[in-house]
Each structure stands twice: as structure tokens, then as C-alpha cells.
Amino acid sequence: MSRIEPDIWSRNFRYYFTARSAGLLSWAMLPVAVAAGLLSAGYALDVAGYAMAFLVGPFAVLVLFGGVLADRFTARRMMIAADLANLAAHVLLAGLFLRGIDHLWQLYALLVVAGTANAMFQPGAASTVPLVSRDVQGANGVLRTSEALTGLAGPALAGALVGLGATGGVMLISAVAYGTSAACLLALRLGAVPAPPAGAGLWRNLVVGWHEFRSRTWLWGVIVIWMGFAVLSWGPQLSVAAGVLVPAHGATAFGLLNCALGAGTVAGGLLAIRYKPARPLAAGAVAILGYPIYPLGIVLGWPVALLAVAQVVVGAGIGVWGVMWATSVQTQVPGEVLNRVHAYEVAGSVGMYPIGSALAGPAVAAFGTDRVLLVGAVAGLLTGLALLAVRPIRMLGRAQARVEEPAREWSATGDHPS
């Protein structure tokens, strides 16, 4: 038995792990179930596209407010409320798919509820980790592994059930999962939770969170670099790769390649549980330097088996980077502003992905598939090199515990501490 395991697998972490795994499984199933369910029911592709927009849009827009509310009402309360909202939305979605969709606005409205609930949940998910495990990096490694596994199992389960005509069944399973998550979060026994000063308004809390985010060069530096990566490489790659690989090798082969990516991410997460470098972001940046090999392999016409190996390497790098990044944010940012800072981080990094994805089609039409993939490969390589080139990112040390000093309060109209 490892020395660090008791620090990870405490009573609180077991409950939190169950809650997160249940929620991640549901979130992974929902897009596949909705899109495949609509197409199977005879709806056009644009309806499925609108459905995804109504699901993802509220998350991207409202996650900042989720961070403020999590700080104000505590992360656990916000996450439980979000789980209960998701439970209700999925029960209604189940009824909608079981009896047939009479009006699409009903579906869209329920997807907005689900997207909003996830925006309210996400900021608190990061700040809770240091409260439930003394080994923050090990806990993040376990959670990252769970995320990768649910990312593999969720779409596969949803696709199989939709294929059997049981889209409503997927929604019922998700509802049960969200209920399980809420119950586990309710069972947590947490001590005093850092909170912002009483009486601060919504605008001031947003401004404080922004200044705390902006004051850390290593933090906003990573997000700026990642935004460029999301637009030029991460966002376009899935659809562009599908356009090449599905006609050449079939949808099954493409699905297996994405499973290989997930398997690599699991391996990276497991590695990061044990590997604890003195400079975590530098180590994570080195790990993602292998990202370009997959798009380069597609351009060079590699066989599926070799592309699968490339995906495992890419996934492992992503898994290591994800753990190093999450642990750095959770241990370097004061707890009373962590939810808000995490919300800015998520909004900046995830918010650019839809832009890159939307630009994929026009870019291929204008420049060709190979050029778009090559730009993505170069952007992936430059991302790792840029992270290593920025001194505050490269030199950031490993914190043993979350910072205990109170967060600075900033004036809403100036750039200096009040």
C-alpha cells in the first residue's frame, strides 16, 4: 500500500470522487445522446447543431458568475443546487424523448438549464479538491483518470442505448447519476471554507477575481497561450481529422483512435499521481510537446495502428499537463478567491474552443486539409515551447499546500490594492 494513498482516499475524497465521476459520466453522455437521438428521430443535422449550442453556450457565458456565486454561497451548496437542477432537467428530457418532442423549444430550454447548471457547478469543482484531500496532486491525478474513463464510457454507453431506441433511458441514467452526486456532496464533512468579505456585491467580486487572475503572470500567461492553441489546433482538430480519417478508414477506426487518446489520458493521469516535479508547469509543458505527432501522422498517411500509438502519446501528455495545471491553480491561489479565478481560467481556455471548431470548415475550404493540420501541429509545438519560454510559468515551484494568506481586495475603479 502506498504511503500517499490514505491522504488521497479519505472519507471526504471517496464521496467527492463518487460525485465527480457520476457527474462526469452524465456530462459525457449528454451530447452524444441528444445529437444521436435527434438524428435517429429524423431531425436534420442543423437541429442537432442548435441543440449543442444551447447546451454549451450558457456554460461559456455564465461560468464567471458561477465562480462569484460559489464564493458567496460556498462551492458545495452551489454544486448541490446545480446537481438538483440537472436531475430535474434530465427527468424532463427523458419524458421528452420517451413521448416524442412536440416543440423543439422545449428541448432547447432544458438544454439551457443543463448548461447553466454545469456553469454553476464547475468553478467549485476545483476549489473543493484541496478541502477533501491532503495530497492535492494525487487527488487531481485520480480525478483526471476518472474524467478520461468516463469520457470513454459515457459516449459509448449513450451511443449503444440510443441505437436501441432508448434515448430517454440515457436521460434517466443521467438523472440518477446527478442525484447520486448531490447526495455524496451533501455527505461531505468540510471545515471552515474560505470566503470573500461579507457585503461585497456581484460586480466587486467579479473585479476582485479579475485582478487576482491578472496579478499572477504564470496564470494569465498560460491562458493566453492556451487560447491561441485552442483556436489554431485543439478546436479544429477533431472535425478536420474526422473529415480525413472517416472516409479513409471508417467511423469505427476513428472511434478507436479517440479511445486511444482517452487511454493515453488515463495513463498520464496515473503517472501524475506519483510524479511530483519541483516545477510542475515546466514538466507539464514538456509532456505536451508530443502533441504534434498525431496531426503530422494524419498528413503523412500513417496507418491506423501507428496513429493510435500517437494518440496514446498525445493523451498521456495531456493527462500529465492537466494534473500539473489543476494542482498549481488549486495550491497557489488563495481559497477565498479560487472559485472566481478558476472561473476566469475556464472561460478563457474553454471559451476559444468553439471558435476554433467553427473556423475549421472555412479554413479547410480556403487552405486545404493538410495545411490546416500542419498549422495545428506547429501551433501545438509552439504551445509547449511558449510555456517553457515564459519564465514565471517555467519557474513556478510546487506548493505543498494551498496559500493561507488572505486574498488582496482591489478597488473596483483602480489597479492598486485598496
Protein backbone atom coordinates (compact mmCIF):
# COMPACT_ATOMS: atom_id res chain seq x y z
CA MET A 1 0.00 0.00 0.00
CA SER A 2 1.43 3.39 -0.97
CA ARG A 3 2.25 5.95 1.65
CA ILE A 4 0.16 8.63 -0.07
CA GLU A 5 -2.99 6.58 -0.57
CA PRO A 6 -4.52 7.37 2.88
CA ASP A 7 -4.05 11.07 2.12
CA ILE A 8 -5.95 10.70 -1.13
CA TRP A 9 -8.63 8.19 -0.22
CA SER A 10 -10.04 9.86 2.84
CA ARG A 11 -13.75 9.58 3.61
CA ASN A 12 -14.38 13.02 2.11
CA PHE A 13 -12.42 12.25 -1.05
CA ARG A 14 -14.27 8.96 -1.60
CA TYR A 15 -17.56 10.83 -1.53
CA TYR A 16 -16.20 13.61 -3.73
CA PHE A 17 -14.69 11.13 -6.20
CA THR A 18 -18.06 9.36 -6.50
CA ALA A 19 -19.85 12.67 -7.01
CA ARG A 20 -17.45 13.88 -9.70
CA SER A 21 -17.36 10.55 -11.51
CA ALA A 22 -21.15 10.40 -11.62
CA GLY A 23 -21.43 13.96 -12.90
CA LEU A 24 -18.67 13.50 -15.48
CA LEU A 25 -20.31 10.33 -16.80
CA SER A 26 -23.61 12.16 -17.25
CA TRP A 27 -21.96 15.14 -18.93
CA ALA A 28 -20.09 12.82 -21.30
CA MET A 29 -23.31 11.01 -22.28
CA LEU A 30 -25.49 14.05 -22.88
CA PRO A 31 -24.09 15.46 -26.17
CA VAL A 32 -23.97 12.04 -27.83
CA ALA A 33 -27.44 11.11 -26.61
CA VAL A 34 -29.02 14.38 -27.73
CA ALA A 35 -27.31 14.56 -31.12
CA ALA A 36 -27.76 10.88 -31.97
CA GLY A 37 -31.29 10.84 -30.55
CA LEU A 38 -32.35 13.79 -32.69
CA LEU A 39 -30.81 12.37 -35.85
CA SER A 40 -32.32 8.96 -35.17
CA ALA A 41 -35.70 10.62 -34.77
CA GLY A 42 -35.40 12.13 -38.24
CA TYR A 43 -34.36 15.68 -37.36
CA ALA A 44 -31.87 17.49 -39.60
CA LEU A 45 -28.22 18.00 -38.71
CA ASP A 46 -28.75 21.70 -38.07
CA VAL A 47 -31.22 20.89 -35.27
CA ALA A 48 -28.54 18.80 -33.56
CA GLY A 49 -26.11 21.69 -34.02
CA TYR A 50 -28.52 24.17 -32.45
CA ALA A 51 -29.06 21.77 -29.57
CA MET A 52 -25.31 21.68 -28.84
CA ALA A 53 -25.17 25.47 -29.00
CA PHE A 54 -27.96 25.76 -26.43
CA LEU A 55 -26.07 23.31 -24.20
CA VAL A 56 -22.56 24.78 -24.44
CA GLY A 57 -23.45 28.46 -24.85
CA PRO A 58 -24.81 29.07 -21.34
CA PHE A 59 -21.78 27.32 -19.85
CA ALA A 60 -19.31 29.60 -21.64
CA VAL A 61 -21.29 32.76 -20.81
CA LEU A 62 -22.26 32.08 -17.19
CA VAL A 63 -19.25 30.26 -15.72
CA LEU A 64 -17.82 33.57 -14.42
CA PHE A 65 -20.98 34.18 -12.41
CA GLY A 66 -20.76 30.61 -11.16
CA GLY A 67 -17.40 31.47 -9.63
CA VAL A 68 -18.80 34.51 -7.83
CA LEU A 69 -21.83 32.62 -6.52
CA ALA A 70 -19.68 29.71 -5.36
CA ASP A 71 -17.57 32.11 -3.33
CA ARG A 72 -20.64 33.79 -1.89
CA PHE A 73 -22.79 30.76 -1.03
CA THR A 74 -19.96 28.15 -0.74
CA ALA A 75 -18.97 25.82 -3.52
CA ARG A 76 -20.71 22.78 -2.06
CA ARG A 77 -24.11 24.48 -1.90
CA MET A 78 -23.77 25.69 -5.48
CA MET A 79 -22.71 22.25 -6.69
CA ILE A 80 -25.59 20.52 -4.90
CA ALA A 81 -28.05 23.05 -6.33
CA ALA A 82 -26.55 22.51 -9.80
CA ASP A 83 -26.87 18.73 -9.44
CA LEU A 84 -30.52 19.02 -8.41
CA ALA A 85 -31.22 21.33 -11.36
CA ASN A 86 -29.54 18.81 -13.68
CA LEU A 87 -31.54 15.99 -12.11
CA ALA A 88 -34.81 17.81 -12.81
CA ALA A 89 -33.74 18.77 -16.34
CA HIS A 90 -32.76 15.18 -17.21
CA VAL A 91 -36.01 13.73 -15.87
CA LEU A 92 -37.88 16.16 -18.12
CA LEU A 93 -35.56 15.36 -21.04
CA ALA A 94 -36.31 11.67 -20.51
CA GLY A 95 -40.02 12.38 -20.70
CA LEU A 96 -39.49 14.48 -23.83
CA PHE A 97 -37.62 11.74 -25.68
CA LEU A 98 -39.90 8.95 -24.43
CA ARG A 99 -43.15 10.58 -25.59
CA GLY A 100 -41.73 12.46 -28.56
CA ILE A 101 -40.67 16.08 -28.99
CA ASP A 102 -43.69 18.22 -29.83
CA HIS A 103 -41.85 21.55 -29.79
CA LEU A 104 -38.11 21.98 -30.19
CA TRP A 105 -38.09 25.00 -27.89
CA GLN A 106 -38.83 22.62 -25.01
CA LEU A 107 -35.68 20.65 -25.76
CA TYR A 108 -33.62 23.80 -26.18
CA ALA A 109 -34.89 25.25 -22.90
CA LEU A 110 -33.97 22.10 -20.97
CA LEU A 111 -30.51 22.07 -22.54
CA VAL A 112 -30.05 25.69 -21.44
CA VAL A 113 -30.90 24.58 -17.89
CA ALA A 114 -28.33 21.77 -18.11
CA GLY A 115 -25.64 24.08 -19.49
CA THR A 116 -26.37 26.71 -16.85
CA ALA A 117 -26.24 24.10 -14.08
CA ASN A 118 -22.82 22.96 -15.25
CA ALA A 119 -21.62 26.57 -15.33
CA MET A 120 -22.70 26.89 -11.69
CA PHE A 121 -21.01 23.59 -10.77
CA GLN A 122 -17.65 23.88 -12.50
CA PRO A 123 -15.91 26.69 -10.51
CA GLY A 124 -16.47 24.91 -7.19
CA ALA A 125 -15.19 21.60 -8.56
CA ALA A 126 -11.61 22.87 -8.44
CA SER A 127 -11.71 24.63 -5.08
CA THR A 128 -13.17 21.59 -3.32
CA VAL A 129 -10.21 19.31 -4.12
CA PRO A 130 -7.82 20.86 -1.54
CA LEU A 131 -10.59 20.58 1.06
CA VAL A 132 -11.11 16.83 0.64
CA SER A 133 -7.54 15.52 0.21
CA ARG A 134 -4.16 16.45 1.70
CA ASP A 135 -2.43 15.10 -1.42
CA VAL A 136 -3.83 17.61 -3.91
CA GLN A 137 -1.76 16.45 -6.88
CA GLY A 138 -2.54 12.80 -6.23
CA ALA A 139 -6.23 13.64 -5.94
CA ASN A 140 -6.12 15.54 -9.23
CA GLY A 141 -4.41 12.57 -10.86
CA VAL A 142 -7.20 10.26 -9.68
CA LEU A 143 -9.88 12.72 -10.84
CA ARG A 144 -8.18 13.21 -14.20
CA THR A 145 -8.10 9.44 -14.68
CA SER A 146 -11.78 9.23 -13.80
CA GLU A 147 -12.54 12.03 -16.27
CA ALA A 148 -10.75 10.15 -19.03
CA LEU A 149 -12.52 6.87 -18.22
CA THR A 150 -15.95 8.47 -18.10
CA GLY A 151 -15.10 10.27 -21.33
CA LEU A 152 -14.58 6.86 -22.90
CA ALA A 153 -17.50 5.05 -21.28
CA GLY A 154 -20.11 7.82 -21.45
CA PRO A 155 -20.32 8.30 -25.22
CA ALA A 156 -20.09 4.53 -25.82
CA LEU A 157 -22.94 3.81 -23.39
CA ALA A 158 -25.06 6.65 -24.76
CA GLY A 159 -24.49 5.55 -28.35
CA ALA A 160 -25.40 1.95 -27.56
CA LEU A 161 -28.62 2.93 -25.78
CA VAL A 162 -29.64 5.39 -28.49
CA GLY A 163 -29.01 2.65 -31.04
CA LEU A 164 -31.53 0.54 -29.12
CA GLY A 165 -34.04 3.38 -29.21
CA ALA A 166 -33.55 4.25 -25.54
CA THR A 167 -32.54 7.92 -25.61
CA GLY A 168 -34.94 8.52 -22.75
CA GLY A 169 -33.16 5.78 -20.83
CA VAL A 170 -29.88 7.67 -21.15
CA MET A 171 -31.53 10.70 -19.59
CA LEU A 172 -32.89 8.62 -16.71
CA ILE A 173 -29.44 7.17 -16.02
CA SER A 174 -28.03 10.69 -16.02
CA ALA A 175 -30.74 11.85 -13.62
CA VAL A 176 -29.84 9.04 -11.20
CA ALA A 177 -26.15 9.95 -11.53
CA TYR A 178 -26.82 13.61 -10.70
CA GLY A 179 -28.90 12.54 -7.71
CA THR A 180 -26.01 10.37 -6.55
CA SER A 181 -23.63 13.29 -6.95
CA ALA A 182 -25.85 15.60 -4.89
CA ALA A 183 -26.17 13.00 -2.12
CA CYS A 184 -22.41 12.46 -1.97
CA LEU A 185 -21.70 16.19 -1.86
CA LEU A 186 -24.25 16.56 0.92
CA ALA A 187 -22.39 13.87 2.90
CA LEU A 188 -19.07 15.77 2.83
CA ARG A 189 -17.77 16.96 6.17
CA LEU A 190 -15.84 20.12 5.46
CA GLY A 191 -14.29 22.50 7.93
CA ALA A 192 -14.24 26.28 7.62
CA VAL A 193 -14.36 27.24 3.95
CA PRO A 194 -12.51 30.41 2.81
CA ALA A 195 -14.95 33.08 1.70
CA PRO A 196 -14.80 36.68 0.46
CA PRO A 197 -15.69 39.56 2.83
CA ALA A 198 -19.38 39.82 3.62
CA GLY A 199 -21.33 42.53 1.85
CA ALA A 200 -19.31 42.61 -1.38
CA GLY A 201 -21.55 42.92 -4.42
CA LEU A 202 -21.54 40.89 -7.62
CA TRP A 203 -19.60 43.46 -9.63
CA ARG A 204 -16.95 43.94 -6.96
CA ASN A 205 -16.50 40.18 -6.61
CA LEU A 206 -16.04 39.86 -10.37
CA VAL A 207 -13.48 42.68 -10.34
CA VAL A 208 -11.59 41.19 -7.41
CA GLY A 209 -11.49 37.84 -9.19
CA TRP A 210 -10.20 39.53 -12.36
CA HIS A 211 -7.43 41.36 -10.54
CA GLU A 212 -6.41 38.21 -8.68
CA PHE A 213 -6.31 36.41 -12.02
CA ARG A 214 -4.39 39.22 -13.74
CA SER A 215 -1.88 39.64 -10.91
CA ARG A 216 -0.39 36.19 -11.50
CA THR A 217 1.67 36.21 -14.68
CA TRP A 218 2.05 32.44 -14.72
CA LEU A 219 -1.75 32.08 -14.58
CA TRP A 220 -2.87 34.50 -17.26
CA GLY A 221 0.21 33.65 -19.33
CA VAL A 222 -0.88 30.03 -19.60
CA ILE A 223 -4.43 31.04 -20.53
CA VAL A 224 -3.28 33.45 -23.27
CA ILE A 225 -1.06 30.76 -24.76
CA TRP A 226 -3.83 28.18 -24.47
CA MET A 227 -6.32 30.47 -26.19
CA GLY A 228 -4.12 30.55 -29.28
CA PHE A 229 -3.71 26.77 -29.11
CA ALA A 230 -7.48 26.30 -28.84
CA VAL A 231 -8.19 28.39 -31.94
CA LEU A 232 -5.40 27.08 -34.15
CA SER A 233 -5.07 23.45 -33.09
CA TRP A 234 -7.29 21.99 -30.36
CA GLY A 235 -10.58 23.41 -31.67
CA PRO A 236 -10.30 22.46 -35.37
CA GLN A 237 -8.52 19.11 -34.99
CA LEU A 238 -11.42 16.78 -34.16
CA SER A 239 -13.62 17.72 -37.10
CA VAL A 240 -10.72 18.07 -39.55
CA ALA A 241 -9.30 14.70 -38.53
CA ALA A 242 -12.74 13.13 -38.87
CA GLY A 243 -13.02 14.53 -42.39
CA VAL A 244 -9.82 12.70 -43.36
CA LEU A 245 -10.00 9.50 -41.33
CA VAL A 246 -13.67 8.51 -41.55
CA PRO A 247 -13.76 8.36 -45.38
CA ALA A 248 -10.38 6.60 -45.45
CA HIS A 249 -10.73 4.14 -42.58
CA GLY A 250 -14.35 4.24 -41.40
CA ALA A 251 -16.15 5.59 -38.37
CA THR A 252 -15.16 2.61 -36.21
CA ALA A 253 -11.46 3.27 -36.73
CA PHE A 254 -11.97 6.94 -35.91
CA GLY A 255 -13.77 5.98 -32.73
CA LEU A 256 -10.92 3.66 -31.75
CA LEU A 257 -8.42 6.45 -32.29
CA ASN A 258 -10.34 8.64 -29.88
CA CYS A 259 -10.42 5.73 -27.41
CA ALA A 260 -6.63 5.58 -27.75
CA LEU A 261 -6.50 9.26 -26.81
CA GLY A 262 -8.59 8.52 -23.75
CA ALA A 263 -6.38 5.58 -22.82
CA GLY A 264 -3.33 7.81 -23.04
CA THR A 265 -5.01 10.38 -20.82
CA VAL A 266 -5.69 7.68 -18.23
CA ALA A 267 -2.01 6.70 -18.35
CA GLY A 268 -0.94 10.33 -17.96
CA GLY A 269 -3.26 10.82 -15.01
CA LEU A 270 -1.92 7.69 -13.29
CA LEU A 271 1.66 8.81 -13.91
CA ALA A 272 0.94 12.25 -12.46
CA ILE A 273 -0.33 10.71 -9.21
CA ARG A 274 3.26 9.62 -8.46
CA TYR A 275 5.40 12.05 -10.45
CA LYS A 276 5.74 15.26 -8.44
CA PRO A 277 8.32 17.55 -10.04
CA ALA A 278 9.70 20.66 -8.36
CA ARG A 279 8.43 22.76 -11.29
CA PRO A 280 5.08 21.26 -12.29
CA LEU A 281 4.15 23.58 -15.15
CA ALA A 282 7.53 23.13 -16.78
CA ALA A 283 7.13 19.36 -16.54
CA GLY A 284 3.61 19.60 -17.95
CA ALA A 285 4.82 21.75 -20.84
CA VAL A 286 7.45 19.16 -21.74
CA ALA A 287 4.77 16.47 -21.63
CA ILE A 288 2.62 18.17 -24.27
CA LEU A 289 5.48 18.64 -26.72
CA GLY A 290 4.37 15.35 -28.26
CA TYR A 291 1.02 16.84 -29.31
CA PRO A 292 2.02 17.49 -32.99
CA ILE A 293 2.70 13.83 -33.83
CA TYR A 294 -0.97 12.96 -34.34
CA PRO A 295 -1.85 15.69 -36.88
CA LEU A 296 1.51 15.12 -38.58
CA GLY A 297 0.73 11.41 -38.78
CA ILE A 298 -2.57 12.15 -40.49
CA VAL A 299 -0.85 14.37 -43.06
CA LEU A 300 1.81 11.71 -43.69
CA GLY A 301 -0.83 8.99 -44.14
CA TRP A 302 0.18 6.77 -41.24
CA PRO A 303 -1.77 3.54 -40.75
CA VAL A 304 -4.41 3.44 -38.04
CA ALA A 305 -2.25 1.37 -35.66
CA LEU A 306 0.54 3.97 -35.75
CA LEU A 307 -1.95 6.80 -35.35
CA ALA A 308 -3.33 5.03 -32.29
CA VAL A 309 0.15 4.95 -30.75
CA ALA A 310 0.46 8.66 -31.49
CA GLN A 311 -2.88 9.29 -29.78
CA VAL A 312 -1.75 7.41 -26.67
CA VAL A 313 1.37 9.61 -26.51
CA VAL A 314 -0.70 12.76 -27.02
CA GLY A 315 -3.23 11.68 -24.40
CA ALA A 316 -0.52 10.90 -21.86
CA GLY A 317 0.93 14.37 -22.32
CA ILE A 318 -2.48 15.99 -21.94
CA GLY A 319 -3.13 13.94 -18.81
CA VAL A 320 0.14 14.99 -17.17
CA TRP A 321 -0.34 18.63 -18.14
CA GLY A 322 -3.92 18.68 -16.85
CA VAL A 323 -2.92 17.39 -13.42
CA MET A 324 0.07 19.76 -13.11
CA TRP A 325 -2.07 22.72 -14.14
CA ALA A 326 -5.03 21.96 -11.89
CA THR A 327 -2.77 21.31 -8.91
CA SER A 328 -0.84 24.55 -9.46
CA VAL A 329 -4.03 26.63 -9.59
CA GLN A 330 -5.55 24.93 -6.55
CA THR A 331 -2.44 25.26 -4.38
CA GLN A 332 -1.14 28.67 -5.47
CA VAL A 333 -4.37 30.71 -5.40
CA PRO A 334 -5.95 31.71 -2.04
CA GLY A 335 -9.06 29.75 -1.24
CA GLU A 336 -11.32 32.78 -0.83
CA VAL A 337 -10.85 33.77 -4.48
CA LEU A 338 -10.14 30.37 -6.03
CA ASN A 339 -13.66 29.84 -7.39
CA ARG A 340 -13.63 33.18 -9.19
CA VAL A 341 -10.09 32.76 -10.51
CA HIS A 342 -10.93 29.26 -11.74
CA ALA A 343 -14.00 30.65 -13.50
CA TYR A 344 -11.84 33.16 -15.42
CA GLU A 345 -9.43 30.34 -16.25
CA VAL A 346 -12.20 28.11 -17.61
CA ALA A 347 -13.85 30.95 -19.53
CA GLY A 348 -10.55 31.89 -21.18
CA SER A 349 -9.42 28.41 -22.13
CA VAL A 350 -12.68 26.66 -22.98
CA GLY A 351 -14.29 29.75 -24.50
CA MET A 352 -11.97 29.73 -27.51
CA TYR A 353 -12.57 26.09 -28.40
CA PRO A 354 -15.93 26.71 -30.16
CA ILE A 355 -14.29 29.46 -32.23
CA GLY A 356 -11.57 27.11 -33.43
CA SER A 357 -14.14 24.42 -34.13
CA ALA A 358 -16.36 26.82 -36.08
CA LEU A 359 -13.40 28.03 -38.17
CA ALA A 360 -12.37 24.51 -39.14
CA GLY A 361 -14.71 24.22 -42.13
CA PRO A 362 -13.94 27.63 -43.67
CA ALA A 363 -10.20 27.10 -43.08
CA VAL A 364 -10.23 23.74 -44.87
CA ALA A 365 -12.19 25.25 -47.75
CA ALA A 366 -9.71 28.13 -48.04
CA PHE A 367 -6.37 26.38 -47.40
CA GLY A 368 -6.93 22.62 -47.63
CA THR A 369 -6.97 19.88 -45.03
CA ASP A 370 -3.22 19.25 -44.92
CA ARG A 371 -2.37 22.90 -44.32
CA VAL A 372 -4.89 23.20 -41.51
CA LEU A 373 -3.50 20.07 -39.85
CA LEU A 374 0.07 21.30 -40.28
CA VAL A 375 -0.82 24.67 -38.73
CA GLY A 376 -2.35 22.77 -35.84
CA ALA A 377 0.80 20.68 -35.44
CA VAL A 378 3.03 23.76 -35.44
CA ALA A 379 0.69 25.53 -33.01
CA GLY A 380 0.81 22.52 -30.70
CA LEU A 381 4.61 22.50 -30.70
CA LEU A 382 4.80 26.27 -30.20
CA THR A 383 2.37 26.00 -27.29
CA GLY A 384 4.73 23.75 -25.34
CA LEU A 385 7.74 25.89 -26.25
CA ALA A 386 5.95 29.11 -25.32
CA LEU A 387 5.02 27.70 -21.91
CA LEU A 388 8.67 26.87 -21.34
CA ALA A 389 9.86 30.23 -22.65
CA VAL A 390 7.83 32.34 -20.19
CA ARG A 391 9.92 32.49 -17.02
CA PRO A 392 7.07 32.81 -14.45
CA ILE A 393 5.45 29.69 -15.95
CA ARG A 394 8.66 27.72 -16.29
CA MET A 395 9.96 28.61 -12.81
CA LEU A 396 6.73 28.21 -10.83
CA GLY A 397 7.54 25.89 -7.94
CA ARG A 398 5.47 23.18 -6.38
CA ALA A 399 3.39 24.33 -3.41
CA GLN A 400 2.88 21.87 -0.58
CA ALA A 401 -0.46 23.31 0.44
CA ARG A 402 -2.88 25.99 -0.64
CA VAL A 403 -1.86 29.54 0.17
CA GLU A 404 -3.24 30.59 3.53
CA GLU A 405 -2.78 34.35 3.33
CA PRO A 406 -5.98 36.34 2.80
CA ALA A 407 -6.60 37.48 -0.73
CA ARG A 408 -5.99 41.09 -1.59
CA GLU A 409 -9.00 43.29 -2.02
CA TRP A 410 -8.91 45.60 -5.03
CA SER A 411 -10.69 48.79 -5.84
CA ALA A 412 -13.36 48.41 -8.48
CA THR A 413 -12.08 51.54 -10.23
CA GLY A 414 -8.29 51.26 -9.92
CA ASP A 415 -5.40 48.92 -10.46
CA HIS A 416 -3.95 49.01 -6.96
CA PRO A 417 -4.90 47.26 -3.72
CA SER A 418 -7.33 49.26 -1.64
